[in-house]
Amino acid sequence: KFGDRAGEALDDGDDDPIDGFTAYEARLPQNPNADNLYHPFRNKLNWDVAAWAKTQGIGANALTALLKIEGLRDGLGLQFRNNRDLNRLIDKNLPTRATFTRRSYTLGGETHDMYMRNSLDVLKELYGRPDFVRYLTFSPEKHYLLEKDSRSSRWVATPGQSCPLGL
C-alpha cells in the first residue's frame, strides 16, 4: 500500500534532491487528464473565468450577456457559451464536496446537534484541488539547522548527545 518503502534508508548523496511532488507524481497511475491540472476545464484561463463567475456574485443573466459579446468567447478560448453550459460542466465533471451528516445527542436532558463529514471524503476533495497541488508533497525531506542560527543554541540537541540535566 505504501510502496514497500517503510524503514528504507534515505539517500545521503550530495546530489540535488528532486522535488517531493515530482517523485510522488511519478508513482501515480497515469490517467488521460494527467497533463491538465484544471480538468474538466481546458486550461487555467477557463478555470479562472469560471471561478470568477461563480464567486463574485454576478447573476446568471449577466454572465450569459457577457459571453454573448461578439469575439469575447472566441478571443479568450472559453469552452462554455453561457451560464447553463458552465453549470452543466461543473455539475457533471467536478467532484462534489463532502456532505455533512447531522447527529443528535441528548446529554443532561438537553439535545445537542453535531455536524460532521467523512474525513476521507474531505481529504479527497482537498487533494483534488489544482490550486493546492504545489503544496501537497508526500516524501521525506531533510531539514538542517545550524546551532548558531537557533534561537537558543545551547539547547540544540545533536545526534548521540543527551539533553543537559535540569530540563
Protein backbone atom coordinates (compact mmCIF):
# COMPACT_ATOMS: atom_id res chain seq x y z
CA LYS A 1 0.00 0.00 0.00
CA PHE A 2 2.85 2.41 0.74
CA GLY A 3 5.23 1.19 -1.95
CA ASP A 4 7.12 -1.19 0.37
CA ARG A 5 9.44 1.66 1.39
CA ALA A 6 8.79 1.78 5.14
CA GLY A 7 12.07 1.89 7.03
CA GLU A 8 14.10 2.44 3.87
CA ALA A 9 17.28 4.47 4.41
CA LEU A 10 17.34 7.94 2.91
CA ASP A 11 19.92 8.75 0.27
CA ASP A 12 22.79 10.75 1.79
CA GLY A 13 24.24 11.69 -1.58
CA ASP A 14 25.34 15.23 -2.30
CA ASP A 15 23.29 15.44 -5.49
CA ASP A 16 20.31 17.79 -5.53
CA PRO A 17 17.17 16.14 -4.16
CA ILE A 18 14.24 16.02 -6.53
CA ASP A 19 11.09 17.92 -5.73
CA GLY A 20 8.87 15.84 -3.43
CA PHE A 21 5.77 16.36 -5.56
CA THR A 22 7.61 15.24 -8.70
CA ALA A 23 8.63 11.99 -7.02
CA TYR A 24 5.10 11.44 -5.72
CA GLU A 25 3.51 12.25 -9.08
CA ALA A 26 5.81 9.78 -10.87
CA ARG A 27 4.38 6.92 -8.78
CA LEU A 28 0.74 7.78 -9.51
CA PRO A 29 -1.20 5.74 -12.08
CA GLN A 30 -1.45 7.54 -15.39
CA ASN A 31 -4.82 8.93 -16.44
CA PRO A 32 -5.93 10.65 -19.64
CA ASN A 33 -6.13 14.07 -17.95
CA ALA A 34 -2.76 13.92 -16.21
CA ASP A 35 -1.37 16.85 -18.20
CA ASN A 36 -4.34 19.10 -17.42
CA LEU A 37 -4.43 20.20 -13.78
CA TYR A 38 -7.62 22.17 -14.48
CA HIS A 39 -9.74 19.30 -15.79
CA PRO A 40 -12.64 19.47 -16.74
CA PHE A 41 -11.66 22.93 -17.94
CA ARG A 42 -9.31 23.13 -20.92
CA ASN A 43 -6.81 25.46 -19.28
CA LYS A 44 -6.17 27.85 -16.41
CA LEU A 45 -7.97 30.73 -18.14
CA ASN A 46 -11.20 28.71 -18.42
CA TRP A 47 -10.82 27.71 -14.75
CA ASP A 48 -10.21 31.32 -13.66
CA VAL A 49 -13.17 32.71 -15.62
CA ALA A 50 -15.46 30.02 -14.19
CA ALA A 51 -14.19 30.66 -10.65
CA TRP A 52 -14.70 34.41 -11.11
CA ALA A 53 -18.23 33.91 -12.45
CA LYS A 54 -19.22 31.67 -9.54
CA THR A 55 -17.53 33.51 -6.67
CA GLN A 56 -18.09 37.18 -7.49
CA GLY A 57 -21.87 37.07 -7.19
CA ILE A 58 -22.72 38.10 -10.74
CA GLY A 59 -26.08 36.84 -11.92
CA ALA A 60 -26.64 34.09 -14.47
CA ASN A 61 -28.11 36.57 -16.95
CA ALA A 62 -25.13 38.92 -16.55
CA LEU A 63 -22.67 36.11 -17.31
CA THR A 64 -24.68 34.99 -20.33
CA ALA A 65 -24.85 38.59 -21.60
CA LEU A 66 -21.09 38.98 -21.10
CA LEU A 67 -20.36 35.81 -23.05
CA LYS A 68 -22.63 36.98 -25.90
CA ILE A 69 -20.34 39.94 -26.64
CA GLU A 70 -19.01 39.33 -30.12
CA GLY A 71 -15.50 37.91 -30.15
CA LEU A 72 -15.14 37.67 -26.37
CA ARG A 73 -15.72 33.94 -26.01
CA ASP A 74 -13.64 33.03 -29.07
CA GLY A 75 -10.92 35.53 -28.19
CA LEU A 76 -10.50 34.03 -24.73
CA GLY A 77 -10.98 30.48 -25.97
CA LEU A 78 -13.72 29.73 -23.46
CA GLN A 79 -15.36 26.33 -23.68
CA PHE A 80 -18.77 27.45 -22.37
CA ARG A 81 -21.23 29.71 -24.23
CA ASN A 82 -23.49 30.73 -21.35
CA ASN A 83 -24.25 30.17 -17.69
CA ARG A 84 -26.17 26.95 -18.43
CA ASP A 85 -23.13 25.42 -20.20
CA LEU A 86 -20.90 26.38 -17.28
CA ASN A 87 -23.29 24.85 -14.73
CA ARG A 88 -23.55 21.65 -16.78
CA LEU A 89 -19.75 21.41 -16.99
CA ILE A 90 -19.39 21.89 -13.23
CA ASP A 91 -22.24 19.57 -12.25
CA LYS A 92 -21.21 16.67 -14.47
CA ASN A 93 -17.44 16.77 -14.19
CA LEU A 94 -16.29 18.28 -10.92
CA PRO A 95 -16.20 16.16 -7.77
CA THR A 96 -18.73 17.12 -5.14
CA ARG A 97 -17.76 18.29 -1.70
CA ALA A 98 -18.12 16.01 1.25
CA THR A 99 -21.63 16.20 2.66
CA PHE A 100 -22.43 16.95 6.26
CA THR A 101 -24.17 14.42 8.46
CA ARG A 102 -26.21 15.57 11.45
CA ARG A 103 -26.48 13.53 14.62
CA SER A 104 -28.45 14.49 17.71
CA TYR A 105 -27.29 13.52 21.18
CA THR A 106 -29.04 14.04 24.49
CA LEU A 107 -26.79 14.96 27.37
CA GLY A 108 -28.03 16.15 30.75
CA GLY A 109 -31.58 16.49 29.46
CA GLU A 110 -30.50 18.76 26.57
CA THR A 111 -30.43 17.71 22.94
CA HIS A 112 -27.33 18.75 21.01
CA ASP A 113 -26.80 18.59 17.26
CA MET A 114 -23.42 17.54 15.94
CA TYR A 115 -22.44 18.07 12.30
CA MET A 116 -19.63 16.04 10.77
CA ARG A 117 -18.13 14.96 7.47
CA ASN A 118 -16.39 11.79 6.36
CA SER A 119 -12.69 12.58 6.78
CA LEU A 120 -11.63 10.58 3.73
CA ASP A 121 -14.10 12.45 1.51
CA VAL A 122 -12.74 15.77 2.81
CA LEU A 123 -9.17 14.68 2.05
CA LYS A 124 -10.13 13.54 -1.46
CA GLU A 125 -11.70 16.93 -2.10
CA LEU A 126 -8.67 18.83 -0.79
CA TYR A 127 -6.17 16.73 -2.75
CA GLY A 128 -8.24 17.13 -5.90
CA ARG A 129 -7.96 20.93 -5.96
CA PRO A 130 -5.48 22.23 -8.53
CA ASP A 131 -4.67 25.35 -6.51
CA PHE A 132 -3.20 23.15 -3.73
CA VAL A 133 -1.06 20.96 -6.00
CA ARG A 134 2.22 22.77 -5.27
CA TYR A 135 1.76 22.38 -1.50
CA LEU A 136 1.00 18.65 -1.42
CA THR A 137 4.22 16.68 -1.08
CA PHE A 138 4.45 13.27 0.49
CA SER A 139 8.10 12.34 0.53
CA PRO A 140 10.69 12.75 3.28
CA GLU A 141 12.66 15.97 3.27
CA LYS A 142 15.89 16.85 5.04
CA HIS A 143 15.86 19.97 7.19
CA TYR A 144 19.04 21.33 8.74
CA LEU A 145 19.59 23.90 11.46
CA LEU A 146 22.93 25.38 12.37
CA GLU A 147 23.50 25.75 16.10
CA LYS A 148 24.33 29.44 15.75
CA ASP A 149 21.03 30.07 13.89
CA SER A 150 18.95 28.59 16.68
CA ARG A 151 17.14 30.94 18.99
CA SER A 152 18.73 29.26 22.00
CA SER A 153 21.70 27.36 20.62
CA ARG A 154 22.72 25.87 23.97
CA TRP A 155 19.56 23.71 23.91
CA VAL A 156 20.04 22.37 20.40
CA ALA A 157 20.49 18.63 20.64
CA THR A 158 22.88 16.87 18.33
CA PRO A 159 22.65 13.19 17.42
CA GLY A 160 24.11 10.99 20.15
CA GLN A 161 24.11 13.74 22.76
CA SER A 162 21.73 13.62 25.71
CA CYS A 163 19.87 16.67 26.94
CA PRO A 164 21.53 18.62 29.75
CA LEU A 165 20.26 18.00 33.27
CA GLY A 166 17.67 20.37 34.60
CA LEU A 167 15.33 20.41 31.64
